[in-house]
Amino acid sequence: MINIEINQNLCDHCNLCIASCPSGGIIVSNGKVVADASADCRDCRTCESICGRNAINWYYEIVLNKPVPGD
C-alpha cells in the first residue's frame, strides 16, 4: 500500500517525482500526478524530498492495541 498524498493544488506537474521514483510509484493519470497503488513502493520518500512545492506528503496509520485484561 502506498501512503502518499499528492496535493493537486500545489503540484505544478514538473514530473521530478516521477523521474526520481525507483519503483514507478508515481504516474500521470487523467492529467494528474498520482500515486500508483499497484507499484512496489519502497518507502524511500524520494518523491517527497524532491518536490520543491511540498505537494507530496506521506501519512502513516498508527494502530494502538487495547490492553489485554490481566496484563
PDB file of N, CA and C in Angstrom:
ATOM      1  N   MET A   1       0.829  -1.176   0.000  1.00  0.00           N
ATOM      2  CA  MET A   1       0.000   0.000   0.000  1.00  0.00           C
ATOM      3  C   MET A   1       0.877   1.244   0.000  1.00  0.00           C
ATOM      4  N   ILE A   2       0.550   2.176  -0.856  1.00  0.00           N
ATOM      5  CA  ILE A   2       1.314   3.416  -0.932  1.00  0.00           C
ATOM      6  C   ILE A   2       0.651   4.459  -0.038  1.00  0.00           C
ATOM      7  N   ASN A   3       1.443   5.062   0.821  1.00  0.00           N
ATOM      8  CA  ASN A   3       0.946   6.053   1.769  1.00  0.00           C
ATOM      9  C   ASN A   3       1.308   7.455   1.328  1.00  0.00           C
ATOM     10  N   ILE A   4       1.018   7.766   0.068  1.00  0.00           N
ATOM     11  CA  ILE A   4       1.393   9.056  -0.491  1.00  0.00           C
ATOM     12  C   ILE A   4       0.130   9.849  -0.805  1.00  0.00           C
ATOM     13  N   GLU A   5       0.159  11.098  -0.426  1.00  0.00           N
ATOM     14  CA  GLU A   5      -0.928  12.006  -0.782  1.00  0.00           C
ATOM     15  C   GLU A   5      -0.329  13.140  -1.611  1.00  0.00           C
ATOM     16  N   ILE A   6      -0.897  13.383  -2.779  1.00  0.00           N
ATOM     17  CA  ILE A   6      -0.400  14.439  -3.655  1.00  0.00           C
ATOM     18  C   ILE A   6      -1.443  15.539  -3.718  1.00  0.00           C
ATOM     19  N   ASN A   7      -1.048  16.722  -3.280  1.00  0.00           N
ATOM     20  CA  ASN A   7      -1.945  17.873  -3.290  1.00  0.00           C
ATOM     21  C   ASN A   7      -1.959  18.453  -4.705  1.00  0.00           C
ATOM     22  N   GLN A   8      -3.056  18.243  -5.395  1.00  0.00           N
ATOM     23  CA  GLN A   8      -3.164  18.686  -6.783  1.00  0.00           C
ATOM     24  C   GLN A   8      -3.137  20.208  -6.916  1.00  0.00           C
ATOM     25  N   ASN A   9      -3.495  20.927  -5.860  1.00  0.00           N
ATOM     26  CA  ASN A   9      -3.461  22.390  -5.891  1.00  0.00           C
ATOM     27  C   ASN A   9      -2.035  22.927  -5.845  1.00  0.00           C
ATOM     28  N   LEU A  10      -1.115  22.149  -5.275  1.00  0.00           N
ATOM     29  CA  LEU A  10       0.278  22.580  -5.176  1.00  0.00           C
ATOM     30  C   LEU A  10       1.150  22.023  -6.302  1.00  0.00           C
ATOM     31  N   CYS A  11       0.760  20.896  -6.864  1.00  0.00           N
ATOM     32  CA  CYS A  11       1.554  20.230  -7.899  1.00  0.00           C
ATOM     33  C   CYS A  11       1.581  21.071  -9.177  1.00  0.00           C
ATOM     34  N   ASP A  12       2.787  21.304  -9.708  1.00  0.00           N
ATOM     35  CA  ASP A  12       2.912  22.064 -10.958  1.00  0.00           C
ATOM     36  C   ASP A  12       3.292  21.166 -12.139  1.00  0.00           C
ATOM     37  N   HIS A  13       3.199  19.859 -11.948  1.00  0.00           N
ATOM     38  CA  HIS A  13       3.458  18.864 -13.000  1.00  0.00           C
ATOM     39  C   HIS A  13       4.869  18.957 -13.584  1.00  0.00           C
ATOM     40  N   CYS A  14       5.833  19.185 -12.717  1.00  0.00           N
ATOM     41  CA  CYS A  14       7.226  19.208 -13.177  1.00  0.00           C
ATOM     42  C   CYS A  14       7.745  17.803 -13.461  1.00  0.00           C
ATOM     43  N   ASN A  15       7.095  16.807 -12.882  1.00  0.00           N
ATOM     44  CA  ASN A  15       7.412  15.383 -13.062  1.00  0.00           C
ATOM     45  C   ASN A  15       8.742  14.944 -12.461  1.00  0.00           C
ATOM     46  N   LEU A  16       9.324  15.748 -11.591  1.00  0.00           N
ATOM     47  CA  LEU A  16      10.561  15.333 -10.919  1.00  0.00           C
ATOM     48  C   LEU A  16      10.314  14.116 -10.033  1.00  0.00           C
ATOM     49  N   CYS A  17       9.152  14.058  -9.407  1.00  0.00           N
ATOM     50  CA  CYS A  17       8.829  12.926  -8.547  1.00  0.00           C
ATOM     51  C   CYS A  17       8.726  11.639  -9.360  1.00  0.00           C
ATOM     52  N   ILE A  18       8.152  11.731 -10.548  1.00  0.00           N
ATOM     53  CA  ILE A  18       8.019  10.566 -11.420  1.00  0.00           C
ATOM     54  C   ILE A  18       9.397  10.065 -11.841  1.00  0.00           C
ATOM     55  N   ALA A  19      10.252  10.993 -12.237  1.00  0.00           N
ATOM     56  CA  ALA A  19      11.599  10.623 -12.696  1.00  0.00           C
ATOM     57  C   ALA A  19      12.458  10.074 -11.562  1.00  0.00           C
ATOM     58  N   SER A  20      12.210  10.504 -10.336  1.00  0.00           N
ATOM     59  CA  SER A  20      13.059  10.096  -9.219  1.00  0.00           C
ATOM     60  C   SER A  20      12.621   8.801  -8.552  1.00  0.00           C
ATOM     61  N   CYS A  21      11.425   8.339  -8.822  1.00  0.00           N
ATOM     62  CA  CYS A  21      10.891   7.158  -8.136  1.00  0.00           C
ATOM     63  C   CYS A  21      11.510   5.881  -8.693  1.00  0.00           C
ATOM     64  N   PRO A  22      12.236   5.115  -7.845  1.00  0.00           N
ATOM     65  CA  PRO A  22      12.878   3.897  -8.334  1.00  0.00           C
ATOM     66  C   PRO A  22      11.912   2.755  -8.619  1.00  0.00           C
ATOM     67  N   SER A  23      10.691   2.844  -8.106  1.00  0.00           N
ATOM     68  CA  SER A  23       9.746   1.737  -8.289  1.00  0.00           C
ATOM     69  C   SER A  23       8.569   2.081  -9.195  1.00  0.00           C
ATOM     70  N   GLY A  24       8.562   3.284  -9.762  1.00  0.00           N
ATOM     71  CA  GLY A  24       7.452   3.670 -10.632  1.00  0.00           C
ATOM     72  C   GLY A  24       6.162   3.910  -9.879  1.00  0.00           C
ATOM     73  N   GLY A  25       6.268   4.334  -8.647  1.00  0.00           N
ATOM     74  CA  GLY A  25       5.098   4.522  -7.791  1.00  0.00           C
ATOM     75  C   GLY A  25       4.330   5.798  -8.027  1.00  0.00           C
ATOM     76  N   ILE A  26       4.870   6.704  -8.829  1.00  0.00           N
ATOM     77  CA  ILE A  26       4.185   7.955  -9.152  1.00  0.00           C
ATOM     78  C   ILE A  26       3.985   7.981 -10.664  1.00  0.00           C
ATOM     79  N   ILE A  27       2.768   8.253 -11.085  1.00  0.00           N
ATOM     80  CA  ILE A  27       2.445   8.254 -12.512  1.00  0.00           C
ATOM     81  C   ILE A  27       1.536   9.432 -12.832  1.00  0.00           C
ATOM     82  N   VAL A  28       1.322   9.664 -14.126  1.00  0.00           N
ATOM     83  CA  VAL A  28       0.325  10.632 -14.569  1.00  0.00           C
ATOM     84  C   VAL A  28      -0.898   9.837 -15.018  1.00  0.00           C
ATOM     85  N   SER A  29      -2.036  10.174 -14.451  1.00  0.00           N
ATOM     86  CA  SER A  29      -3.288   9.517 -14.805  1.00  0.00           C
ATOM     87  C   SER A  29      -4.366  10.582 -14.952  1.00  0.00           C
ATOM     88  N   ASN A  30      -5.004  10.593 -16.090  1.00  0.00           N
ATOM     89  CA  ASN A  30      -6.040  11.597 -16.376  1.00  0.00           C
ATOM     90  C   ASN A  30      -5.527  13.021 -16.179  1.00  0.00           C
ATOM     91  N   GLY A  31      -4.281  13.246 -16.559  1.00  0.00           N
ATOM     92  CA  GLY A  31      -3.701  14.581 -16.477  1.00  0.00           C
ATOM     93  C   GLY A  31      -3.255  15.005 -15.089  1.00  0.00           C
ATOM     94  N   LYS A  32      -3.303  14.087 -14.114  1.00  0.00           N
ATOM     95  CA  LYS A  32      -2.892  14.405 -12.750  1.00  0.00           C
ATOM     96  C   LYS A  32      -1.770  13.477 -12.321  1.00  0.00           C
ATOM     97  N   VAL A  33      -0.856  14.010 -11.517  1.00  0.00           N
ATOM     98  CA  VAL A  33       0.198  13.198 -10.929  1.00  0.00           C
ATOM     99  C   VAL A  33      -0.413  12.489  -9.727  1.00  0.00           C
ATOM    100  N   VAL A  34      -0.336  11.154  -9.735  1.00  0.00           N
ATOM    101  CA  VAL A  34      -0.955  10.362  -8.674  1.00  0.00           C
ATOM    102  C   VAL A  34      -0.033   9.230  -8.246  1.00  0.00           C
ATOM    103  N   ALA A  35      -0.307   8.686  -7.068  1.00  0.00           N
ATOM    104  CA  ALA A  35       0.404   7.509  -6.588  1.00  0.00           C
ATOM    105  C   ALA A  35      -0.223   6.278  -7.228  1.00  0.00           C
ATOM    106  N   ASP A  36       0.618   5.368  -7.708  1.00  0.00           N
ATOM    107  CA  ASP A  36       0.155   4.132  -8.341  1.00  0.00           C
ATOM    108  C   ASP A  36       0.105   3.032  -7.290  1.00  0.00           C
ATOM    109  N   ALA A  37      -1.095   2.667  -6.880  1.00  0.00           N
ATOM    110  CA  ALA A  37      -1.272   1.677  -5.823  1.00  0.00           C
ATOM    111  C   ALA A  37      -0.739   0.304  -6.204  1.00  0.00           C
ATOM    112  N   SER A  38      -0.588   0.038  -7.496  1.00  0.00           N
ATOM    113  CA  SER A  38      -0.089  -1.276  -7.916  1.00  0.00           C
ATOM    114  C   SER A  38       1.437  -1.354  -7.920  1.00  0.00           C
ATOM    115  N   ALA A  39       2.105  -0.236  -7.701  1.00  0.00           N
ATOM    116  CA  ALA A  39       3.574  -0.223  -7.716  1.00  0.00           C
ATOM    117  C   ALA A  39       4.133  -0.805  -6.422  1.00  0.00           C
ATOM    118  N   ASP A  40       5.366  -1.252  -6.481  1.00  0.00           N
ATOM    119  CA  ASP A  40       6.061  -1.806  -5.322  1.00  0.00           C
ATOM    120  C   ASP A  40       6.840  -0.691  -4.634  1.00  0.00           C
ATOM    121  N   CYS A  41       6.108   0.200  -3.960  1.00  0.00           N
ATOM    122  CA  CYS A  41       6.723   1.349  -3.294  1.00  0.00           C
ATOM    123  C   CYS A  41       7.693   0.867  -2.214  1.00  0.00           C
ATOM    124  N   ARG A  42       8.873   1.474  -2.180  1.00  0.00           N
ATOM    125  CA  ARG A  42       9.917   1.089  -1.224  1.00  0.00           C
ATOM    126  C   ARG A  42       9.986   2.027  -0.026  1.00  0.00           C
ATOM    127  N   ASP A  43       9.047   2.946   0.066  1.00  0.00           N
ATOM    128  CA  ASP A  43       9.003   3.913   1.173  1.00  0.00           C
ATOM    129  C   ASP A  43      10.287   4.725   1.295  1.00  0.00           C
ATOM    130  N   CYS A  44      10.928   5.007   0.168  1.00  0.00           N
ATOM    131  CA  CYS A  44      12.187   5.751   0.203  1.00  0.00           C
ATOM    132  C   CYS A  44      11.947   7.250   0.408  1.00  0.00           C
ATOM    133  N   ARG A  45      10.737   7.703   0.085  1.00  0.00           N
ATOM    134  CA  ARG A  45      10.307   9.094   0.248  1.00  0.00           C
ATOM    135  C   ARG A  45      11.092  10.071  -0.612  1.00  0.00           C
ATOM    136  N   THR A  46      11.740   9.573  -1.657  1.00  0.00           N
ATOM    137  CA  THR A  46      12.474  10.442  -2.574  1.00  0.00           C
ATOM    138  C   THR A  46      11.527  11.435  -3.231  1.00  0.00           C
ATOM    139  N   CYS A  47      10.351  10.973  -3.599  1.00  0.00           N
ATOM    140  CA  CYS A  47       9.367  11.849  -4.254  1.00  0.00           C
ATOM    141  C   CYS A  47       9.021  13.042  -3.369  1.00  0.00           C
ATOM    142  N   GLU A  48       8.874  12.784  -2.086  1.00  0.00           N
ATOM    143  CA  GLU A  48       8.536  13.853  -1.139  1.00  0.00           C
ATOM    144  C   GLU A  48       9.682  14.856  -1.010  1.00  0.00           C
ATOM    145  N   SER A  49      10.907  14.354  -0.929  1.00  0.00           N
ATOM    146  CA  SER A  49      12.048  15.247  -0.720  1.00  0.00           C
ATOM    147  C   SER A  49      12.404  16.047  -1.967  1.00  0.00           C
ATOM    148  N   ILE A  50      12.095  15.517  -3.159  1.00  0.00           N
ATOM    149  CA  ILE A  50      12.466  16.215  -4.392  1.00  0.00           C
ATOM    150  C   ILE A  50      11.439  17.273  -4.793  1.00  0.00           C
ATOM    151  N   CYS A  51      10.234  17.190  -4.233  1.00  0.00           N
ATOM    152  CA  CYS A  51       9.171  18.123  -4.609  1.00  0.00           C
ATOM    153  C   CYS A  51       9.417  19.502  -3.998  1.00  0.00           C
ATOM    154  N   GLY A  52       9.724  20.452  -4.835  1.00  0.00           N
ATOM    155  CA  GLY A  52      10.007  21.812  -4.377  1.00  0.00           C
ATOM    156  C   GLY A  52       8.774  22.593  -3.949  1.00  0.00           C
ATOM    157  N   ARG A  53       7.600  22.092  -4.273  1.00  0.00           N
ATOM    158  CA  ARG A  53       6.352  22.777  -3.915  1.00  0.00           C
ATOM    159  C   ARG A  53       5.658  22.137  -2.718  1.00  0.00           C
ATOM    160  N   ASN A  54       6.294  21.134  -2.112  1.00  0.00           N
ATOM    161  CA  ASN A  54       5.725  20.415  -0.961  1.00  0.00           C
ATOM    162  C   ASN A  54       4.335  19.864  -1.255  1.00  0.00           C
ATOM    163  N   ALA A  55       4.147  19.380  -2.476  1.00  0.00           N
ATOM    164  CA  ALA A  55       2.853  18.842  -2.875  1.00  0.00           C
ATOM    165  C   ALA A  55       2.688  17.372  -2.483  1.00  0.00           C
ATOM    166  N   ILE A  56       3.774  16.726  -2.096  1.00  0.00           N
ATOM    167  CA  ILE A  56       3.718  15.306  -1.754  1.00  0.00           C
ATOM    168  C   ILE A  56       3.941  15.138  -0.263  1.00  0.00           C
ATOM    169  N   ASN A  57       3.017  14.419   0.350  1.00  0.00           N
ATOM    170  CA  ASN A  57       3.109  14.143   1.783  1.00  0.00           C
ATOM    171  C   ASN A  57       2.891  12.665   2.027  1.00  0.00           C
ATOM    172  N   TRP A  58       3.588  12.156   3.019  1.00  0.00           N
ATOM    173  CA  TRP A  58       3.425  10.776   3.450  1.00  0.00           C
ATOM    174  C   TRP A  58       2.554  10.758   4.675  1.00  0.00           C
ATOM    175  N   TYR A  59       1.766   9.738   4.806  1.00  0.00           N
ATOM    176  CA  TYR A  59       0.967   9.563   6.010  1.00  0.00           C
ATOM    177  C   TYR A  59       1.090   8.114   6.455  1.00  0.00           C
ATOM    178  N   TYR A  60       0.970   7.921   7.731  1.00  0.00           N
ATOM    179  CA  TYR A  60       1.062   6.591   8.311  1.00  0.00           C
ATOM    180  C   TYR A  60      -0.118   6.386   9.237  1.00  0.00           C
ATOM    181  N   GLU A  61      -0.603   5.171   9.264  1.00  0.00           N
ATOM    182  CA  GLU A  61      -1.678   4.819  10.172  1.00  0.00           C
ATOM    183  C   GLU A  61      -1.055   4.260  11.442  1.00  0.00           C
ATOM    184  N   ILE A  62      -1.429   4.836  12.553  1.00  0.00           N
ATOM    185  CA  ILE A  62      -0.914   4.369  13.836  1.00  0.00           C
ATOM    186  C   ILE A  62      -1.987   3.505  14.469  1.00  0.00           C
ATOM    187  N   VAL A  63      -1.624   2.290  14.797  1.00  0.00           N
ATOM    188  CA  VAL A  63      -2.560   1.350  15.398  1.00  0.00           C
ATOM    189  C   VAL A  63      -2.136   1.104  16.831  1.00  0.00           C
ATOM    190  N   LEU A  64      -3.047   1.379  17.733  1.00  0.00           N
ATOM    191  CA  LEU A  64      -2.778   1.141  19.150  1.00  0.00           C
ATOM    192  C   LEU A  64      -3.551  -0.103  19.580  1.00  0.00           C
ATOM    193  N   ASN A  65      -2.872  -0.991  20.234  1.00  0.00           N
ATOM    194  CA  ASN A  65      -3.528  -2.204  20.740  1.00  0.00           C
ATOM    195  C   ASN A  65      -4.196  -1.908  22.067  1.00  0.00           C
ATOM    196  N   LYS A  66      -5.373  -2.469  22.234  1.00  0.00           N
ATOM    197  CA  LYS A  66      -6.052  -2.348  23.524  1.00  0.00           C
ATOM    198  C   LYS A  66      -5.346  -3.246  24.519  1.00  0.00           C
ATOM    199  N   PRO A  67      -5.239  -2.783  25.774  1.00  0.00           N
ATOM    200  CA  PRO A  67      -4.607  -3.641  26.782  1.00  0.00           C
ATOM    201  C   PRO A  67      -5.430  -4.909  26.992  1.00  0.00           C
ATOM    202  N   VAL A  68      -4.746  -5.993  27.169  1.00  0.00           N
ATOM    203  CA  VAL A  68      -5.391  -7.270  27.431  1.00  0.00           C
ATOM    204  C   VAL A  68      -5.612  -7.381  28.937  1.00  0.00           C
ATOM    205  N   PRO A  69      -6.838  -7.703  29.355  1.00  0.00           N
ATOM    206  CA  PRO A  69      -7.089  -7.826  30.804  1.00  0.00           C
ATOM    207  C   PRO A  69      -6.128  -8.851  31.434  1.00  0.00           C
ATOM    208  N   GLY A  70      -5.576  -8.489  32.556  1.00  0.00           N
ATOM    209  CA  GLY A  70      -4.639  -9.359  33.245  1.00  0.00           C
ATOM    210  C   GLY A  70      -3.190  -9.060  32.958  1.00  0.00           C
ATOM    211  N   ASP A  71      -2.927  -8.135  32.040  1.00  0.00           N
ATOM    212  CA  ASP A  71      -1.529  -7.779  31.749  1.00  0.00           C
ATOM    213  C   ASP A  71      -1.067  -6.672  32.652  1.00  0.00           C
TER     214      ASP A  71
END
